[in-house]
Amino acid sequence: MTKAIAQTYTYAHQYRALIALTFIGACVLAAVFYTVNVYSVVSHTIALQSIQKQTSALASSVGSLDARYLDLSSAVTPDSLSAYGLTQGSVSVYIPRTASTATFGTLAARGHEL
């Protein structure tokens, strides 16, 4: 056991510069990884804030357009449409519902194929 400890100490003593550089390299690599991740979070946060500003601007535009639409649609009446030549249509032919169409409708509602 003493020989193994002595041999380990000898290897560690011989390669201590390499071991130190390995740890320093690992720390630098971890710092670079951390920096990239922090930059990614910051850039995503800025992009999200920009999108939220655009969303609020679009929501206010849609709200004003909706109000304008409601104002215009409330002014539309059959009398005002007749001024433009539009009249109320009439149904020329009435198709009664017979037993066969009622059956087909029931079958279609149940999912049967014809």
PDB file of N, CA and C in Angstrom:
ATOM      1  N   MET A   1       0.825  -1.178   0.000  1.00  0.00           N
ATOM      2  CA  MET A   1       0.000   0.000   0.000  1.00  0.00           C
ATOM      3  C   MET A   1       0.873   1.248   0.000  1.00  0.00           C
ATOM      4  N   THR A   2       1.943   1.202   0.774  1.00  0.00           N
ATOM      5  CA  THR A   2       2.850   2.342   0.839  1.00  0.00           C
ATOM      6  C   THR A   2       3.501   2.584  -0.512  1.00  0.00           C
ATOM      7  N   LYS A   3       3.790   1.511  -1.205  1.00  0.00           N
ATOM      8  CA  LYS A   3       4.403   1.632  -2.525  1.00  0.00           C
ATOM      9  C   LYS A   3       3.431   2.301  -3.493  1.00  0.00           C
ATOM     10  N   ALA A   4       2.148   1.977  -3.421  1.00  0.00           N
ATOM     11  CA  ALA A   4       1.138   2.576  -4.300  1.00  0.00           C
ATOM     12  C   ALA A   4       1.003   4.069  -4.017  1.00  0.00           C
ATOM     13  N   ILE A   5       1.032   4.436  -2.745  1.00  0.00           N
ATOM     14  CA  ILE A   5       0.942   5.855  -2.386  1.00  0.00           C
ATOM     15  C   ILE A   5       2.178   6.596  -2.871  1.00  0.00           C
ATOM     16  N   ALA A   6       3.322   5.988  -2.704  1.00  0.00           N
ATOM     17  CA  ALA A   6       4.563   6.616  -3.157  1.00  0.00           C
ATOM     18  C   ALA A   6       4.559   6.757  -4.678  1.00  0.00           C
ATOM     19  N   GLN A   7       4.083   5.729  -5.368  1.00  0.00           N
ATOM     20  CA  GLN A   7       4.048   5.773  -6.823  1.00  0.00           C
ATOM     21  C   GLN A   7       3.049   6.845  -7.295  1.00  0.00           C
ATOM     22  N   THR A   8       1.916   6.952  -6.631  1.00  0.00           N
ATOM     23  CA  THR A   8       0.920   7.979  -6.966  1.00  0.00           C
ATOM     24  C   THR A   8       1.507   9.356  -6.735  1.00  0.00           C
ATOM     25  N   TYR A   9       2.220   9.550  -5.633  1.00  0.00           N
ATOM     26  CA  TYR A   9       2.853  10.824  -5.350  1.00  0.00           C
ATOM     27  C   TYR A   9       3.888  11.153  -6.418  1.00  0.00           C
ATOM     28  N   THR A  10       4.626  10.159  -6.856  1.00  0.00           N
ATOM     29  CA  THR A  10       5.650  10.368  -7.882  1.00  0.00           C
ATOM     30  C   THR A  10       4.993  10.805  -9.193  1.00  0.00           C
ATOM     31  N   TYR A  11       3.906  10.105  -9.598  1.00  0.00           N
ATOM     32  CA  TYR A  11       3.225  10.478 -10.835  1.00  0.00           C
ATOM     33  C   TYR A  11       2.614  11.876 -10.725  1.00  0.00           C
ATOM     34  N   ALA A  12       2.014  12.172  -9.586  1.00  0.00           N
ATOM     35  CA  ALA A  12       1.409  13.480  -9.389  1.00  0.00           C
ATOM     36  C   ALA A  12       2.477  14.570  -9.400  1.00  0.00           C
ATOM     37  N   HIS A  13       3.631  14.287  -8.817  1.00  0.00           N
ATOM     38  CA  HIS A  13       4.716  15.252  -8.791  1.00  0.00           C
ATOM     39  C   HIS A  13       5.269  15.485 -10.195  1.00  0.00           C
ATOM     40  N   GLN A  14       5.386  14.435 -10.992  1.00  0.00           N
ATOM     41  CA  GLN A  14       5.912  14.559 -12.343  1.00  0.00           C
ATOM     42  C   GLN A  14       4.936  15.307 -13.261  1.00  0.00           C
ATOM     43  N   TYR A  15       3.637  15.050 -13.100  1.00  0.00           N
ATOM     44  CA  TYR A  15       2.640  15.606 -14.015  1.00  0.00           C
ATOM     45  C   TYR A  15       1.818  16.730 -13.379  1.00  0.00           C
ATOM     46  N   ARG A  16       2.317  17.364 -12.325  1.00  0.00           N
ATOM     47  CA  ARG A  16       1.526  18.373 -11.639  1.00  0.00           C
ATOM     48  C   ARG A  16       1.235  19.568 -12.536  1.00  0.00           C
ATOM     49  N   ALA A  17       2.148  19.942 -13.388  1.00  0.00           N
ATOM     50  CA  ALA A  17       1.894  21.063 -14.308  1.00  0.00           C
ATOM     51  C   ALA A  17       0.768  20.694 -15.286  1.00  0.00           C
ATOM     52  N   LEU A  18       0.808  19.456 -15.783  1.00  0.00           N
ATOM     53  CA  LEU A  18      -0.219  18.994 -16.700  1.00  0.00           C
ATOM     54  C   LEU A  18      -1.586  18.903 -16.006  1.00  0.00           C
ATOM     55  N   ILE A  19      -1.570  18.435 -14.775  1.00  0.00           N
ATOM     56  CA  ILE A  19      -2.820  18.338 -14.002  1.00  0.00           C
ATOM     57  C   ILE A  19      -3.371  19.735 -13.737  1.00  0.00           C
ATOM     58  N   ALA A  20      -2.507  20.664 -13.373  1.00  0.00           N
ATOM     59  CA  ALA A  20      -2.942  22.039 -13.112  1.00  0.00           C
ATOM     60  C   ALA A  20      -3.506  22.679 -14.376  1.00  0.00           C
ATOM     61  N   LEU A  21      -2.836  22.480 -15.497  1.00  0.00           N
ATOM     62  CA  LEU A  21      -3.326  23.026 -16.762  1.00  0.00           C
ATOM     63  C   LEU A  21      -4.657  22.394 -17.169  1.00  0.00           C
ATOM     64  N   THR A  22      -4.826  21.128 -16.865  1.00  0.00           N
ATOM     65  CA  THR A  22      -6.096  20.461 -17.158  1.00  0.00           C
ATOM     66  C   THR A  22      -7.223  21.085 -16.346  1.00  0.00           C
ATOM     67  N   PHE A  23      -6.987  21.323 -15.061  1.00  0.00           N
ATOM     68  CA  PHE A  23      -8.011  21.954 -14.222  1.00  0.00           C
ATOM     69  C   PHE A  23      -8.282  23.394 -14.670  1.00  0.00           C
ATOM     70  N   ILE A  24      -7.235  24.120 -15.014  1.00  0.00           N
ATOM     71  CA  ILE A  24      -7.415  25.495 -15.479  1.00  0.00           C
ATOM     72  C   ILE A  24      -8.189  25.510 -16.803  1.00  0.00           C
ATOM     73  N   GLY A  25      -7.864  24.586 -17.693  1.00  0.00           N
ATOM     74  CA  GLY A  25      -8.587  24.480 -18.970  1.00  0.00           C
ATOM     75  C   GLY A  25     -10.057  24.143 -18.757  1.00  0.00           C
ATOM     76  N   ALA A  26     -10.324  23.233 -17.809  1.00  0.00           N
ATOM     77  CA  ALA A  26     -11.709  22.879 -17.514  1.00  0.00           C
ATOM     78  C   ALA A  26     -12.456  24.083 -16.953  1.00  0.00           C
ATOM     79  N   CYS A  27     -11.782  24.879 -16.099  1.00  0.00           N
ATOM     80  CA  CYS A  27     -12.417  26.079 -15.544  1.00  0.00           C
ATOM     81  C   CYS A  27     -12.695  27.120 -16.633  1.00  0.00           C
ATOM     82  N   VAL A  28     -11.745  27.291 -17.543  1.00  0.00           N
ATOM     83  CA  VAL A  28     -11.936  28.242 -18.644  1.00  0.00           C
ATOM     84  C   VAL A  28     -13.092  27.780 -19.537  1.00  0.00           C
ATOM     85  N   LEU A  29     -13.141  26.487 -19.824  1.00  0.00           N
ATOM     86  CA  LEU A  29     -14.218  25.936 -20.644  1.00  0.00           C
ATOM     87  C   LEU A  29     -15.574  26.128 -19.952  1.00  0.00           C
ATOM     88  N   ALA A  30     -15.640  25.916 -18.660  1.00  0.00           N
ATOM     89  CA  ALA A  30     -16.881  26.124 -17.911  1.00  0.00           C
ATOM     90  C   ALA A  30     -17.271  27.597 -17.913  1.00  0.00           C
ATOM     91  N   ALA A  31     -16.280  28.495 -17.804  1.00  0.00           N
ATOM     92  CA  ALA A  31     -16.568  29.935 -17.825  1.00  0.00           C
ATOM     93  C   ALA A  31     -17.093  30.362 -19.191  1.00  0.00           C
ATOM     94  N   VAL A  32     -16.526  29.828 -20.258  1.00  0.00           N
ATOM     95  CA  VAL A  32     -17.007  30.141 -21.605  1.00  0.00           C
ATOM     96  C   VAL A  32     -18.437  29.623 -21.778  1.00  0.00           C
ATOM     97  N   PHE A  33     -18.690  28.415 -21.335  1.00  0.00           N
ATOM     98  CA  PHE A  33     -20.027  27.835 -21.422  1.00  0.00           C
ATOM     99  C   PHE A  33     -21.038  28.679 -20.640  1.00  0.00           C
ATOM    100  N   TYR A  34     -20.655  29.119 -19.457  1.00  0.00           N
ATOM    101  CA  TYR A  34     -21.511  29.960 -18.628  1.00  0.00           C
ATOM    102  C   TYR A  34     -21.783  31.292 -19.322  1.00  0.00           C
ATOM    103  N   THR A  35     -20.757  31.906 -19.900  1.00  0.00           N
ATOM    104  CA  THR A  35     -20.905  33.190 -20.582  1.00  0.00           C
ATOM    105  C   THR A  35     -21.845  33.069 -21.774  1.00  0.00           C
ATOM    106  N   VAL A  36     -21.693  32.016 -22.547  1.00  0.00           N
ATOM    107  CA  VAL A  36     -22.565  31.806 -23.703  1.00  0.00           C
ATOM    108  C   VAL A  36     -24.011  31.625 -23.250  1.00  0.00           C
ATOM    109  N   ASN A  37     -24.219  30.887 -22.185  1.00  0.00           N
ATOM    110  CA  ASN A  37     -25.583  30.683 -21.698  1.00  0.00           C
ATOM    111  C   ASN A  37     -26.195  31.972 -21.142  1.00  0.00           C
ATOM    112  N   VAL A  38     -25.425  32.769 -20.446  1.00  0.00           N
ATOM    113  CA  VAL A  38     -25.932  34.047 -19.938  1.00  0.00           C
ATOM    114  C   VAL A  38     -26.277  34.967 -21.108  1.00  0.00           C
ATOM    115  N   TYR A  39     -25.415  35.019 -22.121  1.00  0.00           N
ATOM    116  CA  TYR A  39     -25.692  35.829 -23.311  1.00  0.00           C
ATOM    117  C   TYR A  39     -26.974  35.360 -23.990  1.00  0.00           C
ATOM    118  N   SER A  40     -27.161  34.055 -24.076  1.00  0.00           N
ATOM    119  CA  SER A  40     -28.364  33.499 -24.699  1.00  0.00           C
ATOM    120  C   SER A  40     -29.614  33.901 -23.923  1.00  0.00           C
ATOM    121  N   VAL A  41     -29.565  33.843 -22.616  1.00  0.00           N
ATOM    122  CA  VAL A  41     -30.719  34.226 -21.793  1.00  0.00           C
ATOM    123  C   VAL A  41     -31.026  35.709 -21.966  1.00  0.00           C
ATOM    124  N   VAL A  42     -29.989  36.543 -21.975  1.00  0.00           N
ATOM    125  CA  VAL A  42     -30.190  37.980 -22.119  1.00  0.00           C
ATOM    126  C   VAL A  42     -30.778  38.298 -23.494  1.00  0.00           C
ATOM    127  N   SER A  43     -30.262  37.687 -24.549  1.00  0.00           N
ATOM    128  CA  SER A  43     -30.774  37.971 -25.887  1.00  0.00           C
ATOM    129  C   SER A  43     -32.209  37.477 -26.050  1.00  0.00           C
ATOM    130  N   HIS A  44     -32.538  36.337 -25.455  1.00  0.00           N
ATOM    131  CA  HIS A  44     -33.916  35.850 -25.525  1.00  0.00           C
ATOM    132  C   HIS A  44     -34.859  36.768 -24.738  1.00  0.00           C
ATOM    133  N   THR A  45     -34.396  37.303 -23.625  1.00  0.00           N
ATOM    134  CA  THR A  45     -35.217  38.218 -22.832  1.00  0.00           C
ATOM    135  C   THR A  45     -35.482  39.505 -23.599  1.00  0.00           C
ATOM    136  N   ILE A  46     -34.470  40.027 -24.264  1.00  0.00           N
ATOM    137  CA  ILE A  46     -34.640  41.248 -25.057  1.00  0.00           C
ATOM    138  C   ILE A  46     -35.599  40.999 -26.215  1.00  0.00           C
ATOM    139  N   ALA A  47     -35.457  39.854 -26.879  1.00  0.00           N
ATOM    140  CA  ALA A  47     -36.363  39.525 -27.976  1.00  0.00           C
ATOM    141  C   ALA A  47     -37.797  39.372 -27.481  1.00  0.00           C
ATOM    142  N   LEU A  48     -37.966  38.775 -26.320  1.00  0.00           N
ATOM    143  CA  LEU A  48     -39.301  38.603 -25.742  1.00  0.00           C
ATOM    144  C   LEU A  48     -39.934  39.952 -25.419  1.00  0.00           C
ATOM    145  N   GLN A  49     -39.156  40.872 -24.881  1.00  0.00           N
ATOM    146  CA  GLN A  49     -39.681  42.204 -24.578  1.00  0.00           C
ATOM    147  C   GLN A  49     -40.093  42.925 -25.857  1.00  0.00           C
ATOM    148  N   SER A  50     -39.310  42.770 -26.900  1.00  0.00           N
ATOM    149  CA  SER A  50     -39.647  43.386 -28.183  1.00  0.00           C
ATOM    150  C   SER A  50     -40.944  42.814 -28.734  1.00  0.00           C
ATOM    151  N   ILE A  51     -41.106  41.515 -28.634  1.00  0.00           N
ATOM    152  CA  ILE A  51     -42.327  40.870 -29.118  1.00  0.00           C
ATOM    153  C   ILE A  51     -43.527  41.308 -28.287  1.00  0.00           C
ATOM    154  N   GLN A  52     -43.338  41.473 -26.985  1.00  0.00           N
ATOM    155  CA  GLN A  52     -44.437  41.932 -26.134  1.00  0.00           C
ATOM    156  C   GLN A  52     -44.864  43.351 -26.494  1.00  0.00           C
ATOM    157  N   LYS A  53     -43.901  44.219 -26.843  1.00  0.00           N
ATOM    158  CA  LYS A  53     -44.241  45.578 -27.269  1.00  0.00           C
ATOM    159  C   LYS A  53     -45.028  45.549 -28.569  1.00  0.00           C
ATOM    160  N   GLN A  54     -44.600  44.700 -29.513  1.00  0.00           N
ATOM    161  CA  GLN A  54     -45.314  44.589 -30.782  1.00  0.00           C
ATOM    162  C   GLN A  54     -46.717  44.025 -30.568  1.00  0.00           C
ATOM    163  N   THR A  55     -46.830  43.071 -29.661  1.00  0.00           N
ATOM    164  CA  THR A  55     -48.132  42.474 -29.378  1.00  0.00           C
ATOM    165  C   THR A  55     -49.085  43.513 -28.793  1.00  0.00           C
ATOM    166  N   SER A  56     -48.612  44.325 -27.878  1.00  0.00           N
ATOM    167  CA  SER A  56     -49.480  45.347 -27.293  1.00  0.00           C
ATOM    168  C   SER A  56     -49.872  46.392 -28.336  1.00  0.00           C
ATOM    169  N   ALA A  57     -48.944  46.748 -29.241  1.00  0.00           N
ATOM    170  CA  ALA A  57     -49.278  47.702 -30.300  1.00  0.00           C
ATOM    171  C   ALA A  57     -50.331  47.119 -31.238  1.00  0.00           C
ATOM    172  N   LEU A  58     -50.171  45.847 -31.597  1.00  0.00           N
ATOM    173  CA  LEU A  58     -51.157  45.204 -32.470  1.00  0.00           C
ATOM    174  C   LEU A  58     -52.505  45.048 -31.770  1.00  0.00           C
ATOM    175  N   ALA A  59     -52.480  44.754 -30.483  1.00  0.00           N
ATOM    176  CA  ALA A  59     -53.735  44.612 -29.743  1.00  0.00           C
ATOM    177  C   ALA A  59     -54.490  45.932 -29.706  1.00  0.00           C
ATOM    178  N   SER A  60     -53.790  47.033 -29.525  1.00  0.00           N
ATOM    179  CA  SER A  60     -54.474  48.327 -29.518  1.00  0.00           C
ATOM    180  C   SER A  60     -55.002  48.664 -30.912  1.00  0.00           C
ATOM    181  N   SER A  61     -54.273  48.305 -31.972  1.00  0.00           N
ATOM    182  CA  SER A  61     -54.760  48.532 -33.341  1.00  0.00           C
ATOM    183  C   SER A  61     -56.010  47.725 -33.607  1.00  0.00           C
ATOM    184  N   VAL A  62     -55.972  46.469 -33.213  1.00  0.00           N
ATOM    185  CA  VAL A  62     -57.132  45.603 -33.420  1.00  0.00           C
ATOM    186  C   VAL A  62     -58.317  46.115 -32.613  1.00  0.00           C
ATOM    187  N   GLY A  63     -58.072  46.592 -31.427  1.00  0.00           N
ATOM    188  CA  GLY A  63     -59.150  47.146 -30.608  1.00  0.00           C
ATOM    189  C   GLY A  63     -59.795  48.359 -31.261  1.00  0.00           C
ATOM    190  N   SER A  64     -58.983  49.246 -31.802  1.00  0.00           N
ATOM    191  CA  SER A  64     -59.552  50.427 -32.464  1.00  0.00           C
ATOM    192  C   SER A  64     -60.283  50.040 -33.746  1.00  0.00           C
ATOM    193  N   LEU A  65     -59.742  49.075 -34.494  1.00  0.00           N
ATOM    194  CA  LEU A  65     -60.439  48.604 -35.693  1.00  0.00           C
ATOM    195  C   LEU A  65     -61.748  47.906 -35.338  1.00  0.00           C
ATOM    196  N   ASP A  66     -61.750  47.171 -34.250  1.00  0.00           N
ATOM    197  CA  ASP A  66     -62.972  46.504 -33.811  1.00  0.00           C
ATOM    198  C   ASP A  66     -64.039  47.528 -33.437  1.00  0.00           C
ATOM    199  N   ALA A  67     -63.638  48.572 -32.749  1.00  0.00           N
ATOM    200  CA  ALA A  67     -64.584  49.626 -32.393  1.00  0.00           C
ATOM    201  C   ALA A  67     -65.127  50.303 -33.645  1.00  0.00           C
ATOM    202  N   ARG A  68     -64.255  50.552 -34.598  1.00  0.00           N
ATOM    203  CA  ARG A  68     -64.683  51.167 -35.871  1.00  0.00           C
ATOM    204  C   ARG A  68     -65.646  50.248 -36.608  1.00  0.00           C
ATOM    205  N   TYR A  69     -65.375  48.947 -36.614  1.00  0.00           N
ATOM    206  CA  TYR A  69     -66.259  47.978 -37.259  1.00  0.00           C
ATOM    207  C   TYR A  69     -67.626  47.961 -36.592  1.00  0.00           C
ATOM    208  N   LEU A  70     -67.653  47.986 -35.278  1.00  0.00           N
ATOM    209  CA  LEU A  70     -68.931  47.993 -34.569  1.00  0.00           C
ATOM    210  C   LEU A  70     -69.725  49.258 -34.880  1.00  0.00           C
ATOM    211  N   ASP A  71     -69.031  50.383 -34.986  1.00  0.00           N
ATOM    212  CA  ASP A  71     -69.713  51.633 -35.343  1.00  0.00           C
ATOM    213  C   ASP A  71     -70.321  51.537 -36.739  1.00  0.00           C
ATOM    214  N   LEU A  72     -69.540  51.010 -37.688  1.00  0.00           N
ATOM    215  CA  LEU A  72     -70.028  50.903 -39.059  1.00  0.00           C
ATOM    216  C   LEU A  72     -71.137  49.872 -39.194  1.00  0.00           C
ATOM    217  N   SER A  73     -70.992  48.736 -38.519  1.00  0.00           N
ATOM    218  CA  SER A  73     -71.998  47.683 -38.666  1.00  0.00           C
ATOM    219  C   SER A  73     -73.302  48.051 -37.970  1.00  0.00           C
ATOM    220  N   SER A  74     -73.243  48.876 -36.945  1.00  0.00           N
ATOM    221  CA  SER A  74     -74.484  49.283 -36.283  1.00  0.00           C
ATOM    222  C   SER A  74     -75.263  50.267 -37.154  1.00  0.00           C
ATOM    223  N   ALA A  75     -74.585  50.922 -38.084  1.00  0.00           N
ATOM    224  CA  ALA A  75     -75.255  51.872 -38.966  1.00  0.00           C
ATOM    225  C   ALA A  75     -75.920  51.182 -40.155  1.00  0.00           C
ATOM    226  N   VAL A  76     -75.639  49.908 -40.384  1.00  0.00           N
ATOM    227  CA  VAL A  76     -76.199  49.179 -41.523  1.00  0.00           C
ATOM    228  C   VAL A  76     -77.597  48.680 -41.163  1.00  0.00           C
ATOM    229  N   THR A  77     -78.562  49.115 -41.941  1.00  0.00           N
ATOM    230  CA  THR A  77     -79.950  48.683 -41.768  1.00  0.00           C
ATOM    231  C   THR A  77     -80.491  48.290 -43.138  1.00  0.00           C
ATOM    232  N   PRO A  78     -81.576  47.546 -43.192  1.00  0.00           N
ATOM    233  CA  PRO A  78     -82.156  47.222 -44.506  1.00  0.00           C
ATOM    234  C   PRO A  78     -82.519  48.469 -45.313  1.00  0.00           C
ATOM    235  N   ASP A  79     -82.938  49.540 -44.653  1.00  0.00           N
ATOM    236  CA  ASP A  79     -83.286  50.771 -45.368  1.00  0.00           C
ATOM    237  C   ASP A  79     -82.048  51.421 -45.975  1.00  0.00           C
ATOM    238  N   SER A  80     -80.944  51.421 -45.231  1.00  0.00           N
ATOM    239  CA  SER A  80     -79.728  52.026 -45.785  1.00  0.00           C
ATOM    240  C   SER A  80     -79.147  51.170 -46.910  1.00  0.00           C
ATOM    241  N   LEU A  81     -79.338  49.879 -46.856  1.00  0.00           N
ATOM    242  CA  LEU A  81     -78.860  49.007 -47.942  1.00  0.00           C
ATOM    243  C   LEU A  81     -79.710  49.157 -49.191  1.00  0.00           C
ATOM    244  N   SER A  82     -80.985  49.469 -49.049  1.00  0.00           N
ATOM    245  CA  SER A  82     -81.839  49.647 -50.222  1.00  0.00           C
ATOM    246  C   SER A  82     -81.416  50.875 -51.012  1.00  0.00           C
ATOM    247  N   ALA A  83     -80.754  51.823 -50.387  1.00  0.00           N
ATOM    248  CA  ALA A  83     -80.241  52.996 -51.104  1.00  0.00           C
ATOM    249  C   ALA A  83     -79.149  52.604 -52.091  1.00  0.00           C
ATOM    250  N   TYR A  84     -78.477  51.489 -51.843  1.00  0.00           N
ATOM    251  CA  TYR A  84     -77.433  51.006 -52.740  1.00  0.00           C
ATOM    252  C   TYR A  84     -77.958  49.967 -53.734  1.00  0.00           C
ATOM    253  N   GLY A  85     -79.255  49.734 -53.748  1.00  0.00           N
ATOM    254  CA  GLY A  85     -79.846  48.808 -54.686  1.00  0.00           C
ATOM    255  C   GLY A  85     -79.952  47.387 -54.169  1.00  0.00           C
ATOM    256  N   LEU A  86     -79.658  47.164 -52.934  1.00  0.00           N
ATOM    257  CA  LEU A  86     -79.759  45.824 -52.366  1.00  0.00           C
ATOM    258  C   LEU A  86     -81.158  45.609 -51.814  1.00  0.00           C
ATOM    259  N   THR A  87     -81.725  44.454 -52.117  1.00  0.00           N
ATOM    260  CA  THR A  87     -83.058  44.137 -51.607  1.00  0.00           C
ATOM    261  C   THR A  87     -83.008  42.803 -50.898  1.00  0.00           C
ATOM    262  N   GLN A  88     -84.042  42.543 -50.131  1.00  0.00           N
ATOM    263  CA  GLN A  88     -84.104  41.284 -49.419  1.00  0.00           C
ATOM    264  C   GLN A  88     -84.560  40.210 -50.396  1.00  0.00           C
ATOM    265  N   GLY A  89     -83.818  39.092 -50.427  1.00  0.00           N
ATOM    266  CA  GLY A  89     -84.139  38.017 -51.357  1.00  0.00           C
ATOM    267  C   GLY A  89     -85.302  37.190 -50.870  1.00  0.00           C
ATOM    268  N   SER A  90     -85.886  36.476 -51.823  1.00  0.00           N
ATOM    269  CA  SER A  90     -86.986  35.604 -51.457  1.00  0.00           C
ATOM    270  C   SER A  90     -86.660  34.193 -51.934  1.00  0.00           C
ATOM    271  N   VAL A  91     -87.181  33.206 -51.240  1.00  0.00           N
ATOM    272  CA  VAL A  91     -86.956  31.821 -51.593  1.00  0.00           C
ATOM    273  C   VAL A  91     -87.981  31.453 -52.653  1.00  0.00           C
ATOM    274  N   SER A  92     -87.496  30.970 -53.816  1.00  0.00           N
ATOM    275  CA  SER A  92     -88.421  30.681 -54.906  1.00  0.00           C
ATOM    276  C   SER A  92     -89.016  29.286 -54.798  1.00  0.00           C
ATOM    277  N   VAL A  93     -88.273  28.328 -54.312  1.00  0.00           N
ATOM    278  CA  VAL A  93     -88.764  26.956 -54.216  1.00  0.00           C
ATOM    279  C   VAL A  93     -88.473  26.457 -52.804  1.00  0.00           C
ATOM    280  N   TYR A  94     -89.495  25.860 -52.209  1.00  0.00           N
ATOM    281  CA  TYR A  94     -89.344  25.295 -50.887  1.00  0.00           C
ATOM    282  C   TYR A  94     -89.289  23.779 -51.020  1.00  0.00           C
ATOM    283  N   ILE A  95     -88.277  23.167 -50.463  1.00  0.00           N
ATOM    284  CA  ILE A  95     -88.125  21.714 -50.527  1.00  0.00           C
ATOM    285  C   ILE A  95     -88.568  21.150 -49.187  1.00  0.00           C
ATOM    286  N   PRO A  96     -89.682  20.411 -49.178  1.00  0.00           N
ATOM    287  CA  PRO A  96     -90.149  19.865 -47.901  1.00  0.00           C
ATOM    288  C   PRO A  96     -89.279  18.701 -47.448  1.00  0.00           C
ATOM    289  N   ARG A  97     -89.284  18.465 -46.202  1.00  0.00           N
ATOM    290  CA  ARG A  97     -88.511  17.370 -45.639  1.00  0.00           C
ATOM    291  C   ARG A  97     -89.389  16.119 -45.633  1.00  0.00           C
ATOM    292  N   THR A  98     -88.975  15.152 -46.430  1.00  0.00           N
ATOM    293  CA  THR A  98     -89.760  13.923 -46.528  1.00  0.00           C
ATOM    294  C   THR A  98     -89.152  12.869 -45.632  1.00  0.00           C
ATOM    295  N   ALA A  99     -89.784  11.705 -45.606  1.00  0.00           N
ATOM    296  CA  ALA A  99     -89.295  10.610 -44.776  1.00  0.00           C
ATOM    297  C   ALA A  99     -87.940  10.129 -45.242  1.00  0.00           C
ATOM    298  N   SER A 100     -87.677  10.145 -46.567  1.00  0.00           N
ATOM    299  CA  SER A 100     -86.390   9.651 -47.066  1.00  0.00           C
ATOM    300  C   SER A 100     -85.248  10.579 -46.656  1.00  0.00           C
ATOM    301  N   THR A 101     -85.462  11.899 -46.706  1.00  0.00           N
ATOM    302  CA  THR A 101     -84.390  12.818 -46.301  1.00  0.00           C
ATOM    303  C   THR A 101     -84.194  12.768 -44.803  1.00  0.00           C
ATOM    304  N   ALA A 102     -85.265  12.508 -44.073  1.00  0.00           N
ATOM    305  CA  ALA A 102     -85.129  12.388 -42.623  1.00  0.00           C
ATOM    306  C   ALA A 102     -84.308  11.152 -42.274  1.00  0.00           C
ATOM    307  N   THR A 103     -84.506  10.050 -43.028  1.00  0.00           N
ATOM    308  CA  THR A 103     -83.743   8.828 -42.790  1.00  0.00           C
ATOM    309  C   THR A 103     -82.279   9.040 -43.119  1.00  0.00           C
ATOM    310  N   PHE A 104     -82.028   9.680 -44.269  1.00  0.00           N
ATOM    311  CA  PHE A 104     -80.632   9.925 -44.640  1.00  0.00           C
ATOM    312  C   PHE A 104     -79.942  10.817 -43.618  1.00  0.00           C
ATOM    313  N   GLY A 105     -80.658  11.799 -43.114  1.00  0.00           N
ATOM    314  CA  GLY A 105     -80.072  12.672 -42.102  1.00  0.00           C
ATOM    315  C   GLY A 105     -79.765  11.912 -40.817  1.00  0.00           C
ATOM    316  N   THR A 106     -80.641  10.976 -40.435  1.00  0.00           N
ATOM    317  CA  THR A 106     -80.422  10.184 -39.239  1.00  0.00           C
ATOM    318  C   THR A 106     -79.232   9.253 -39.431  1.00  0.00           C
ATOM    319  N   LEU A 107     -79.146   8.644 -40.618  1.00  0.00           N
ATOM    320  CA  LEU A 107     -78.022   7.746 -40.887  1.00  0.00           C
ATOM    321  C   LEU A 107     -76.716   8.516 -40.911  1.00  0.00           C
ATOM    322  N   ALA A 108     -76.730   9.682 -41.521  1.00  0.00           N
ATOM    323  CA  ALA A 108     -75.504  10.477 -41.598  1.00  0.00           C
ATOM    324  C   ALA A 108     -75.075  10.917 -40.209  1.00  0.00           C
ATOM    325  N   ALA A 109     -76.035  11.233 -39.357  1.00  0.00           N
ATOM    326  CA  ALA A 109     -75.704  11.674 -38.006  1.00  0.00           C
ATOM    327  C   ALA A 109     -75.084  10.532 -37.200  1.00  0.00           C
ATOM    328  N   ARG A 110     -75.505   9.310 -37.503  1.00  0.00           N
ATOM    329  CA  ARG A 110     -74.966   8.156 -36.774  1.00  0.00           C
ATOM    330  C   ARG A 110     -73.636   7.685 -37.340  1.00  0.00           C
ATOM    331  N   GLY A 111     -73.259   8.170 -38.515  1.00  0.00           N
ATOM    332  CA  GLY A 111     -71.975   7.815 -39.087  1.00  0.00           C
ATOM    333  C   GLY A 111     -72.016   6.646 -40.040  1.00  0.00           C
ATOM    334  N   HIS A 112     -73.216   6.247 -40.489  1.00  0.00           N
ATOM    335  CA  HIS A 112     -73.315   5.162 -41.465  1.00  0.00           C
ATOM    336  C   HIS A 112     -72.930   5.671 -42.834  1.00  0.00           C
ATOM    337  N   GLU A 113     -72.279   4.817 -43.604  1.00  0.00           N
ATOM    338  CA  GLU A 113     -71.941   5.171 -44.984  1.00  0.00           C
ATOM    339  C   GLU A 113     -73.007   4.646 -45.906  1.00  0.00           C
ATOM    340  N   LEU A 114     -73.326   5.406 -46.934  1.00  0.00           N
ATOM    341  CA  LEU A 114     -74.345   4.976 -47.900  1.00  0.00           C
ATOM    342  C   LEU A 114     -73.702   4.436 -49.139  1.00  0.00           C
TER     343      LEU A 114
END
